[in-house]
C-alpha atoms as a PDB file:
ATOM      1  CA  MET A   1     105.431-150.236 -59.471  1.00  0.00           C
ATOM      2  CA  THR A   2     107.952-148.931 -62.142  1.00  0.00           C
ATOM      3  CA  ASP A   3     107.495-145.163 -62.664  1.00  0.00           C
ATOM      4  CA  ARG A   4     109.871-144.740 -65.498  1.00  0.00           C
ATOM      5  CA  GLU A   5     110.600-146.594 -68.700  1.00  0.00           C
ATOM      6  CA  PRO A   6     113.214-149.067 -68.548  1.00  0.00           C
ATOM      7  CA  THR A   7     116.441-147.894 -70.138  1.00  0.00           C
ATOM      8  CA  LYS A   8     117.413-151.176 -71.770  1.00  0.00           C
ATOM      9  CA  ASN A   9     114.287-151.913 -73.785  1.00  0.00           C
ATOM     10  CA  ILE A  10     113.387-152.099 -77.647  1.00  0.00           C
ATOM     11  CA  SER A  11     111.198-148.996 -76.996  1.00  0.00           C
ATOM     12  CA  GLY A  12     114.234-146.833 -76.551  1.00  0.00           C
ATOM     13  CA  GLY A  13     114.401-145.468 -72.967  1.00  0.00           C
ATOM     14  CA  ASP A  14     116.698-142.835 -71.936  1.00  0.00           C
ATOM     15  CA  ALA A  15     119.326-144.050 -74.428  1.00  0.00           C
ATOM     16  CA  GLY A  16     117.080-144.679 -77.418  1.00  0.00           C
ATOM     17  CA  GLY A  17     115.088-141.517 -78.068  1.00  0.00           C
ATOM     18  CA  GLY A  18     111.469-140.767 -77.580  1.00  0.00           C
ATOM     19  CA  ASN A  19     109.861-137.392 -76.623  1.00  0.00           C
ATOM     20  CA  GLU A  20     107.382-136.703 -73.606  1.00  0.00           C
ATOM     21  CA  ALA A  21     103.771-136.775 -74.809  1.00  0.00           C
ATOM     22  CA  ARG A  22     100.853-135.007 -73.130  1.00  0.00           C
ATOM     23  CA  PHE A  23      97.255-136.342 -72.859  1.00  0.00           C
ATOM     24  CA  ASP A  24      93.995-135.805 -71.139  1.00  0.00           C
ATOM     25  CA  PRO A  25      92.487-139.067 -69.656  1.00  0.00           C
ATOM     26  CA  ALA A  26      89.225-137.133 -69.185  1.00  0.00           C
ATOM     27  CA  THR A  27      88.721-136.975 -72.848  1.00  0.00           C
ATOM     28  CA  ALA A  28      89.044-140.721 -73.803  1.00  0.00           C
ATOM     29  CA  GLY A  29      86.456-141.691 -76.333  1.00  0.00           C
ATOM     30  CA  THR A  30      86.692-145.457 -76.064  1.00  0.00           C
ATOM     31  CA  ARG A  31      87.289-148.000 -73.326  1.00  0.00           C
ATOM     32  CA  ALA A  32      90.624-148.992 -74.812  1.00  0.00           C
ATOM     33  CA  GLU A  33      91.748-145.364 -75.066  1.00  0.00           C
ATOM     34  CA  ALA A  34      90.753-145.127 -71.221  1.00  0.00           C
ATOM     35  CA  VAL A  35      92.954-148.092 -70.494  1.00  0.00           C
ATOM     36  CA  VAL A  36      95.881-146.707 -72.360  1.00  0.00           C
ATOM     37  CA  ASP A  37      95.491-143.369 -70.482  1.00  0.00           C
ATOM     38  CA  ARG A  38      95.630-145.140 -67.268  1.00  0.00           C
ATOM     39  CA  LEU A  39      98.713-146.898 -68.184  1.00  0.00           C
ATOM     40  CA  GLY A  40     100.274-143.513 -69.120  1.00  0.00           C
ATOM     41  CA  GLU A  41      99.412-142.450 -65.713  1.00  0.00           C
ATOM     42  CA  LEU A  42     101.046-145.518 -64.238  1.00  0.00           C
ATOM     43  CA  TYR A  43     104.159-145.546 -66.261  1.00  0.00           C
ATOM     44  CA  TRP A  44     105.197-142.969 -68.926  1.00  0.00           C
ATOM     45  CA  THR A  45     103.861-141.201 -72.074  1.00  0.00           C
ATOM     46  CA  LYS A  46     106.358-140.879 -74.854  1.00  0.00           C
ATOM     47  CA  THR A  47     105.974-140.547 -78.626  1.00  0.00           C
ATOM     48  CA  TYR A  48     108.530-142.576 -80.594  1.00  0.00           C
ATOM     49  CA  GLY A  49     110.634-142.457 -83.665  1.00  0.00           C
ATOM     50  CA  GLY A  50     114.293-141.678 -84.838  1.00  0.00           C
ATOM     51  CA  ARG A  51     115.937-144.936 -84.027  1.00  0.00           C
ATOM     52  CA  ASP A  52     118.121-146.376 -86.665  1.00  0.00           C
ATOM     53  CA  ALA A  53     115.850-148.500 -88.822  1.00  0.00           C
ATOM     54  CA  PHE A  54     118.139-151.425 -89.610  1.00  0.00           C
ATOM     55  CA  GLU A  55     119.478-151.731 -86.121  1.00  0.00           C
ATOM     56  CA  CYS A  56     115.992-151.572 -84.833  1.00  0.00           C
ATOM     57  CA  LEU A  57     115.130-154.403 -87.113  1.00  0.00           C
ATOM     58  CA  VAL A  58     118.073-156.331 -85.899  1.00  0.00           C
ATOM     59  CA  ARG A  59     117.205-155.692 -82.335  1.00  0.00           C
ATOM     60  CA  THR A  60     113.732-156.712 -82.740  1.00  0.00           C
ATOM     61  CA  ILE A  61     114.733-160.005 -84.452  1.00  0.00           C
ATOM     62  CA  LEU A  62     117.049-160.753 -81.565  1.00  0.00           C
ATOM     63  CA  SER A  63     114.291-160.163 -79.032  1.00  0.00           C
ATOM     64  CA  GLN A  64     112.081-162.736 -80.722  1.00  0.00           C
ATOM     65  CA  ASN A  65     110.963-165.704 -78.416  1.00  0.00           C
ATOM     66  CA  THR A  66     113.201-164.388 -75.477  1.00  0.00           C
ATOM     67  CA  SER A  67     113.336-161.699 -72.900  1.00  0.00           C
ATOM     68  CA  ASP A  68     115.064-158.353 -73.001  1.00  0.00           C
ATOM     69  CA  THR A  69     117.436-159.654 -70.292  1.00  0.00           C
ATOM     70  CA  ALA A  70     118.529-162.296 -72.755  1.00  0.00           C
ATOM     71  CA  SER A  71     118.409-160.270 -76.057  1.00  0.00           C
ATOM     72  CA  GLN A  72     120.017-157.010 -74.778  1.00  0.00           C
ATOM     73  CA  PRO A  73     123.581-158.521 -74.199  1.00  0.00           C
ATOM     74  CA  ALA A  74     123.319-160.170 -77.740  1.00  0.00           C
ATOM     75  CA  HIS A  75     122.434-156.770 -79.226  1.00  0.00           C
ATOM     76  CA  ASP A  76     125.184-155.134 -77.391  1.00  0.00           C
ATOM     77  CA  ALA A  77     127.694-157.713 -78.366  1.00  0.00           C
ATOM     78  CA  LEU A  78     126.609-157.595 -82.136  1.00  0.00           C
ATOM     79  CA  VAL A  79     126.987-153.752 -82.203  1.00  0.00           C
ATOM     80  CA  ASP A  80     130.454-153.967 -80.598  1.00  0.00           C
ATOM     81  CA  ARG A  81     131.677-156.406 -83.023  1.00  0.00           C
ATOM     82  CA  TYR A  82     130.072-155.257 -86.283  1.00  0.00           C
ATOM     83  CA  SER A  83     129.558-151.529 -86.003  1.00  0.00           C
ATOM     84  CA  GLY A  84     132.681-149.339 -86.012  1.00  0.00           C
ATOM     85  CA  ASP A  85     133.082-145.658 -86.197  1.00  0.00           C
ATOM     86  CA  SER A  86     132.668-145.466 -89.930  1.00  0.00           C
ATOM     87  CA  ALA A  87     131.311-148.982 -90.723  1.00  0.00           C
ATOM     88  CA  ASP A  88     127.991-149.437 -92.190  1.00  0.00           C
ATOM     89  CA  LEU A  89     126.244-152.192 -90.034  1.00  0.00           C
ATOM     90  CA  VAL A  90     124.382-153.499 -93.233  1.00  0.00           C
ATOM     91  CA  ASP A  91     127.619-153.977 -95.019  1.00  0.00           C
ATOM     92  CA  ALA A  92     129.322-155.617 -91.916  1.00  0.00           C
ATOM     93  CA  LEU A  93     126.474-158.139 -91.361  1.00  0.00           C
ATOM     94  CA  ALA A  94     125.876-158.858 -95.053  1.00  0.00           C
ATOM     95  CA  GLU A  95     129.470-160.077 -95.157  1.00  0.00           C
ATOM     96  CA  ALA A  96     129.629-161.628 -91.610  1.00  0.00           C
ATOM     97  CA  ASP A  97     130.550-165.303 -91.120  1.00  0.00           C
ATOM     98  CA  GLN A  98     127.365-167.079 -89.888  1.00  0.00           C
ATOM     99  CA  GLN A  99     129.051-169.133 -87.246  1.00  0.00           C
ATOM    100  CA  THR A 100     130.856-166.063 -85.643  1.00  0.00           C
ATOM    101  CA  LEU A 101     127.739-164.101 -85.655  1.00  0.00           C
ATOM    102  CA  ALA A 102     125.830-166.994 -84.169  1.00  0.00           C
ATOM    103  CA  GLU A 103     128.411-167.188 -81.352  1.00  0.00           C
ATOM    104  CA  THR A 104     128.164-163.307 -80.958  1.00  0.00           C
ATOM    105  CA  ILE A 105     124.349-163.370 -80.366  1.00  0.00           C
ATOM    106  CA  GLN A 106     124.134-166.690 -78.434  1.00  0.00           C
ATOM    107  CA  SER A 107     122.627-165.239 -75.406  1.00  0.00           C
ATOM    108  CA  ALA A 108     119.410-164.304 -77.389  1.00  0.00           C
ATOM    109  CA  GLY A 109     118.511-167.973 -78.159  1.00  0.00           C
ATOM    110  CA  LEU A 110     117.869-169.411 -81.409  1.00  0.00           C
ATOM    111  CA  TYR A 111     121.186-167.992 -82.421  1.00  0.00           C
ATOM    112  CA  ASN A 112     121.796-170.130 -85.493  1.00  0.00           C
ATOM    113  CA  GLN A 113     118.335-169.231 -87.095  1.00  0.00           C
ATOM    114  CA  LYS A 114     118.549-165.562 -85.989  1.00  0.00           C
ATOM    115  CA  SER A 115     122.194-165.139 -87.466  1.00  0.00           C
ATOM    116  CA  GLU A 116     121.358-166.698 -90.820  1.00  0.00           C
ATOM    117  CA  ARG A 117     118.189-164.479 -90.950  1.00  0.00           C
ATOM    118  CA  ILE A 118     120.047-161.278 -90.080  1.00  0.00           C
ATOM    119  CA  ILE A 119     122.873-161.944 -92.667  1.00  0.00           C
ATOM    120  CA  ALA A 120     120.168-162.680 -95.334  1.00  0.00           C
ATOM    121  CA  ILE A 121     118.185-159.471 -94.351  1.00  0.00           C
ATOM    122  CA  ALA A 122     121.361-157.373 -94.340  1.00  0.00           C
ATOM    123  CA  GLY A 123     122.129-158.517 -97.967  1.00  0.00           C
ATOM    124  CA  VAL A 124     118.516-157.594 -99.094  1.00  0.00           C
ATOM    125  CA  VAL A 125     118.841-154.108 -97.513  1.00  0.00           C
ATOM    126  CA  ARG A 126     122.244-153.547 -99.044  1.00  0.00           C
ATOM    127  CA  GLU A 127     121.159-154.653-102.549  1.00  0.00           C
ATOM    128  CA  GLU A 128     117.705-152.843-102.537  1.00  0.00           C
ATOM    129  CA  PHE A 129     118.281-149.770-100.446  1.00  0.00           C
ATOM    130  CA  GLY A 130     121.932-149.412-100.626  1.00  0.00           C
ATOM    131  CA  GLY A 131     122.659-149.596 -96.853  1.00  0.00           C
ATOM    132  CA  GLU A 132     121.519-148.017 -93.470  1.00  0.00           C
ATOM    133  CA  ALA A 133     120.660-144.629 -94.882  1.00  0.00           C
ATOM    134  CA  GLY A 134     118.594-145.692 -97.707  1.00  0.00           C
ATOM    135  CA  PHE A 135     116.767-148.110 -95.480  1.00  0.00           C
ATOM    136  CA  ASP A 136     116.176-145.340 -92.986  1.00  0.00           C
ATOM    137  CA  GLU A 137     114.594-143.165 -95.629  1.00  0.00           C
ATOM    138  CA  PHE A 138     112.335-145.894 -96.854  1.00  0.00           C
ATOM    139  CA  VAL A 139     110.999-146.641 -93.288  1.00  0.00           C
ATOM    140  CA  ARG A 140     110.432-142.976 -92.402  1.00  0.00           C
ATOM    141  CA  ASP A 141     109.119-141.578 -95.557  1.00  0.00           C
ATOM    142  CA  GLU A 142     107.470-144.305 -97.666  1.00  0.00           C
ATOM    143  CA  ASP A 143     103.722-145.077 -97.268  1.00  0.00           C
ATOM    144  CA  ALA A 144     103.293-147.092 -93.967  1.00  0.00           C
ATOM    145  CA  ASP A 145     101.538-149.918 -95.613  1.00  0.00           C
ATOM    146  CA  ILE A 146     104.203-150.285 -98.294  1.00  0.00           C
ATOM    147  CA  VAL A 147     106.852-150.314 -95.557  1.00  0.00           C
ATOM    148  CA  ARG A 148     105.044-152.993 -93.620  1.00  0.00           C
ATOM    149  CA  ASP A 149     104.252-155.208 -96.595  1.00  0.00           C
ATOM    150  CA  ARG A 150     107.969-155.072 -97.646  1.00  0.00           C
ATOM    151  CA  LEU A 151     109.382-155.920 -94.050  1.00  0.00           C
ATOM    152  CA  LEU A 152     106.876-158.846 -94.026  1.00  0.00           C
ATOM    153  CA  GLU A 153     108.235-160.197 -97.179  1.00  0.00           C
ATOM    154  CA  MET A 154     111.707-160.626 -95.409  1.00  0.00           C
ATOM    155  CA  ASN A 155     112.463-163.940 -93.966  1.00  0.00           C
ATOM    156  CA  GLY A 156     112.099-163.813 -90.199  1.00  0.00           C
ATOM    157  CA  VAL A 157     110.003-160.542 -89.941  1.00  0.00           C
ATOM    158  CA  GLY A 158     106.548-161.080 -88.725  1.00  0.00           C
ATOM    159  CA  PRO A 159     103.909-158.427 -87.922  1.00  0.00           C
ATOM    160  CA  LYS A 160     105.106-157.497 -84.419  1.00  0.00           C
ATOM    161  CA  THR A 161     108.688-157.019 -85.684  1.00  0.00           C
ATOM    162  CA  ALA A 162     107.514-154.910 -88.746  1.00  0.00           C
ATOM    163  CA  ASP A 163     105.279-152.819 -86.436  1.00  0.00           C
ATOM    164  CA  CYS A 164     108.185-152.141 -83.999  1.00  0.00           C
ATOM    165  CA  VAL A 165     110.272-150.920 -86.810  1.00  0.00           C
ATOM    166  CA  LEU A 166     107.452-148.673 -88.065  1.00  0.00           C
ATOM    167  CA  LEU A 167     107.010-147.358 -84.526  1.00  0.00           C
ATOM    168  CA  PHE A 168     110.381-147.005 -83.062  1.00  0.00           C
ATOM    169  CA  ALA A 169     112.401-146.040 -86.370  1.00  0.00           C
ATOM    170  CA  GLY A 170     109.727-144.549 -88.411  1.00  0.00           C
ATOM    171  CA  GLY A 171     107.913-142.778 -85.648  1.00  0.00           C
ATOM    172  CA  ARG A 172     104.619-143.822 -87.312  1.00  0.00           C
ATOM    173  CA  GLY A 173     101.392-142.757 -85.289  1.00  0.00           C
ATOM    174  CA  GLY A 174      98.656-145.452 -85.127  1.00  0.00           C
ATOM    175  CA  VAL A 175     101.046-148.485 -85.034  1.00  0.00           C
ATOM    176  CA  PHE A 176     100.447-150.673 -81.940  1.00  0.00           C
ATOM    177  CA  PRO A 177     102.653-153.751 -82.032  1.00  0.00           C
ATOM    178  CA  VAL A 178     101.135-156.721 -80.583  1.00  0.00           C
ATOM    179  CA  ASP A 179     103.364-159.105 -78.652  1.00  0.00           C
ATOM    180  CA  THR A 180     102.368-161.841 -76.176  1.00  0.00           C
ATOM    181  CA  HIS A 181     101.722-159.506 -73.477  1.00  0.00           C
ATOM    182  CA  VAL A 182      99.415-157.114 -75.518  1.00  0.00           C
ATOM    183  CA  HIS A 183      97.577-160.242 -76.994  1.00  0.00           C
ATOM    184  CA  ARG A 184      96.843-161.672 -73.569  1.00  0.00           C
ATOM    185  CA  ILE A 185      95.771-158.382 -71.894  1.00  0.00           C
ATOM    186  CA  ALA A 186      93.546-157.133 -74.689  1.00  0.00           C
ATOM    187  CA  ARG A 187      91.625-160.267 -74.775  1.00  0.00           C
ATOM    188  CA  ARG A 188      91.645-160.716 -70.997  1.00  0.00           C
ATOM    189  CA  MET A 189      90.419-157.363 -70.390  1.00  0.00           C
ATOM    190  CA  GLY A 190      87.743-157.429 -73.219  1.00  0.00           C
ATOM    191  CA  LEU A 191      89.226-154.796 -75.519  1.00  0.00           C
ATOM    192  CA  ALA A 192      89.315-157.479 -78.341  1.00  0.00           C
ATOM    193  CA  PRO A 193      87.390-160.686 -78.850  1.00  0.00           C
ATOM    194  CA  ALA A 194      88.553-163.580 -76.718  1.00  0.00           C
ATOM    195  CA  ASP A 195      89.552-165.790 -79.554  1.00  0.00           C
ATOM    196  CA  ALA A 196      91.289-162.938 -81.655  1.00  0.00           C
ATOM    197  CA  ASP A 197      94.530-163.706 -82.986  1.00  0.00           C
ATOM    198  CA  HIS A 198      97.396-161.148 -82.988  1.00  0.00           C
ATOM    199  CA  GLU A 199      96.486-159.320 -86.047  1.00  0.00           C
ATOM    200  CA  THR A 200      92.803-158.952 -84.953  1.00  0.00           C
ATOM    201  CA  VAL A 201      93.983-157.630 -81.607  1.00  0.00           C
ATOM    202  CA  ARG A 202      96.046-155.104 -83.529  1.00  0.00           C
ATOM    203  CA  GLU A 203      92.932-153.978 -85.657  1.00  0.00           C
ATOM    204  CA  TYR A 204      90.716-153.568 -82.541  1.00  0.00           C
ATOM    205  CA  ILE A 205      93.365-151.481 -80.726  1.00  0.00           C
ATOM    206  CA  GLU A 206      94.498-149.428 -83.600  1.00  0.00           C
ATOM    207  CA  ARG A 207      90.917-148.580 -84.265  1.00  0.00           C
ATOM    208  CA  ASP A 208      90.088-147.605 -80.803  1.00  0.00           C
ATOM    209  CA  VAL A 209      93.172-145.870 -79.677  1.00  0.00           C
ATOM    210  CA  PRO A 210      94.257-142.561 -81.123  1.00  0.00           C
ATOM    211  CA  GLY A 211      97.283-142.759 -83.152  1.00  0.00           C
ATOM    212  CA  GLU A 212      99.523-140.464 -81.001  1.00  0.00           C
ATOM    213  CA  LYS A 213      98.834-142.738 -77.974  1.00  0.00           C
ATOM    214  CA  CYS A 214      99.629-146.075 -79.588  1.00  0.00           C
ATOM    215  CA  GLY A 215     103.326-145.759 -78.893  1.00  0.00           C
ATOM    216  CA  PHE A 216     103.246-145.383 -75.126  1.00  0.00           C
ATOM    217  CA  GLY A 217     100.366-147.743 -74.938  1.00  0.00           C
ATOM    218  CA  HIS A 218     102.289-150.564 -76.554  1.00  0.00           C
ATOM    219  CA  THR A 219     105.224-150.025 -74.185  1.00  0.00           C
ATOM    220  CA  ALA A 220     103.338-149.335 -71.053  1.00  0.00           C
ATOM    221  CA  MET A 221     101.032-152.421 -71.757  1.00  0.00           C
ATOM    222  CA  ILE A 222     104.159-154.701 -71.856  1.00  0.00           C
ATOM    223  CA  GLN A 223     105.226-153.300 -68.429  1.00  0.00           C
ATOM    224  CA  PHE A 224     101.843-153.792 -67.098  1.00  0.00           C
ATOM    225  CA  GLY A 225     101.859-157.439 -68.238  1.00  0.00           C
ATOM    226  CA  ARG A 226     105.216-157.980 -66.478  1.00  0.00           C
ATOM    227  CA  GLU A 227     104.174-156.524 -63.292  1.00  0.00           C
ATOM    228  CA  TYR A 228     100.399-157.121 -62.915  1.00  0.00           C
ATOM    229  CA  CYS A 229      98.745-158.967 -65.653  1.00  0.00           C
ATOM    230  CA  LYS A 230     100.784-161.918 -65.735  1.00  0.00           C
ATOM    231  CA  ALA A 231      99.963-165.176 -67.811  1.00  0.00           C
ATOM    232  CA  ARG A 232      99.625-167.561 -65.156  1.00  0.00           C
ATOM    233  CA  LYS A 233      98.979-165.513 -61.997  1.00  0.00           C
ATOM    234  CA  PRO A 234      97.615-162.080 -62.538  1.00  0.00           C
ATOM    235  CA  ALA A 235      97.435-159.702 -59.660  1.00  0.00           C
ATOM    236  CA  CYS A 236      93.625-159.815 -59.356  1.00  0.00           C
ATOM    237  CA  LEU A 237      93.592-163.595 -58.868  1.00  0.00           C
ATOM    238  CA  ASP A 238      94.083-163.207 -55.129  1.00  0.00           C
ATOM    239  CA  ASP A 239      93.073-159.690 -54.594  1.00  0.00           C
ATOM    240  CA  PRO A 240      91.028-157.740 -57.017  1.00  0.00           C
ATOM    241  CA  GLU A 241      92.099-154.501 -55.578  1.00  0.00           C
ATOM    242  CA  ALA A 242      95.845-155.388 -56.216  1.00  0.00           C
ATOM    243  CA  CYS A 243      95.524-154.352 -59.947  1.00  0.00           C
ATOM    244  CA  PRO A 244      95.255-150.797 -60.938  1.00  0.00           C
ATOM    245  CA  LEU A 245      93.033-151.728 -63.841  1.00  0.00           C
ATOM    246  CA  ALA A 246      90.593-153.982 -62.207  1.00  0.00           C
ATOM    247  CA  ASP A 247      87.748-151.540 -62.836  1.00  0.00           C
ATOM    248  CA  ARG A 248      88.461-151.597 -66.556  1.00  0.00           C
ATOM    249  CA  CYS A 249      88.950-155.471 -66.918  1.00  0.00           C
ATOM    250  CA  ASP A 250      86.414-158.264 -67.841  1.00  0.00           C
ATOM    251  CA  GLN A 251      88.646-160.726 -66.315  1.00  0.00           C
ATOM    252  CA  VAL A 252      88.157-163.227 -69.368  1.00  0.00           C
ATOM    253  CA  GLY A 253      89.614-166.597 -68.396  1.00  0.00           C
ATOM    254  CA  VAL A 254      90.425-165.465 -64.713  1.00  0.00           C
ATOM    255  CA  TYR A 255      88.486-167.100 -62.137  1.00  0.00           C
ATOM    256  CA  PRO A 256      89.497-165.747 -58.551  1.00  0.00           C
ATOM    257  CA  ALA A 257      86.937-168.129 -56.849  1.00  0.00           C
ATOM    258  CA  SER A 258      88.777-171.257 -58.102  1.00  0.00           C
ATOM    259  CA  GLY A 259      92.083-169.849 -58.546  1.00  0.00           C
ATOM    260  CA  GLU A 260      92.059-170.966 -62.250  1.00  0.00           C
ATOM    261  CA  VAL A 261      93.484-168.974 -65.159  1.00  0.00           C
ATOM    262  CA  VAL A 262      93.142-170.146 -68.790  1.00  0.00           C
ATOM    263  CA  ASP A 263      93.800-168.506 -71.979  1.00  0.00           C
ATOM    264  CA  PRO A 264      90.823-166.069 -72.865  1.00  0.00           C
ATOM    265  CA  SER A 265      90.051-168.148 -76.043  1.00  0.00           C
ATOM    266  CA  ALA A 266      89.221-171.133 -73.601  1.00  0.00           C
ATOM    267  CA  ALA A 267      87.132-169.119 -71.248  1.00  0.00           C
ATOM    268  CA  ASP A 268      83.465-170.323 -70.507  1.00  0.00           C
END
């Protein structure tokens, strides 16, 4: 079990900010909140916010369809090449040569597509917000729904990416980004309908989990998915007691008797 937040992670870690949060599991008002409280006891409890909004957006785009192990080197290489002591990262990327940027972020996969999108988004941010500072102010101070809608209008920004920017840069309470781990776990545990899409899962969790717990709930659920509730072989498949959340789970799509695991939407 991991008892602390990974340092190299979009959620921030020791290098990226976040403040320790306090909570009382005994006061959980919903099943989803009780699950998040248990995850907080297993891993970490932090509130987030304060990361540079544009860099957070770029970092999340780099993480799309790949792992932190692959995207982190790409992020580090991009920052090393394009972010100097006085340079505005938005300006540098808006004017970047696409092929050079693609080579720089190659480890993240889909590098041609991602480099094109990052350059285009940098141009939009520079024209509309004047650079990093203006974009930071927009993400942190404007109405969250307006920020989310504007982010979703940018090519390459989906709901999860927009929500990560709102959470980790904007510090917005009540935002629970849904990635593949959260989508799988919420439906497998019965916290959302088995056939729910990503947005429906988000609606259910944000409805049932207090806003101040959504940040650490998101990051801890991802860690739980990596360690216990894996897509093909969850810990409960061979030994129900191997999962620390077994008593909270409906095991939708998991059949220990036969050893079969299916997507919750295909469960009997």
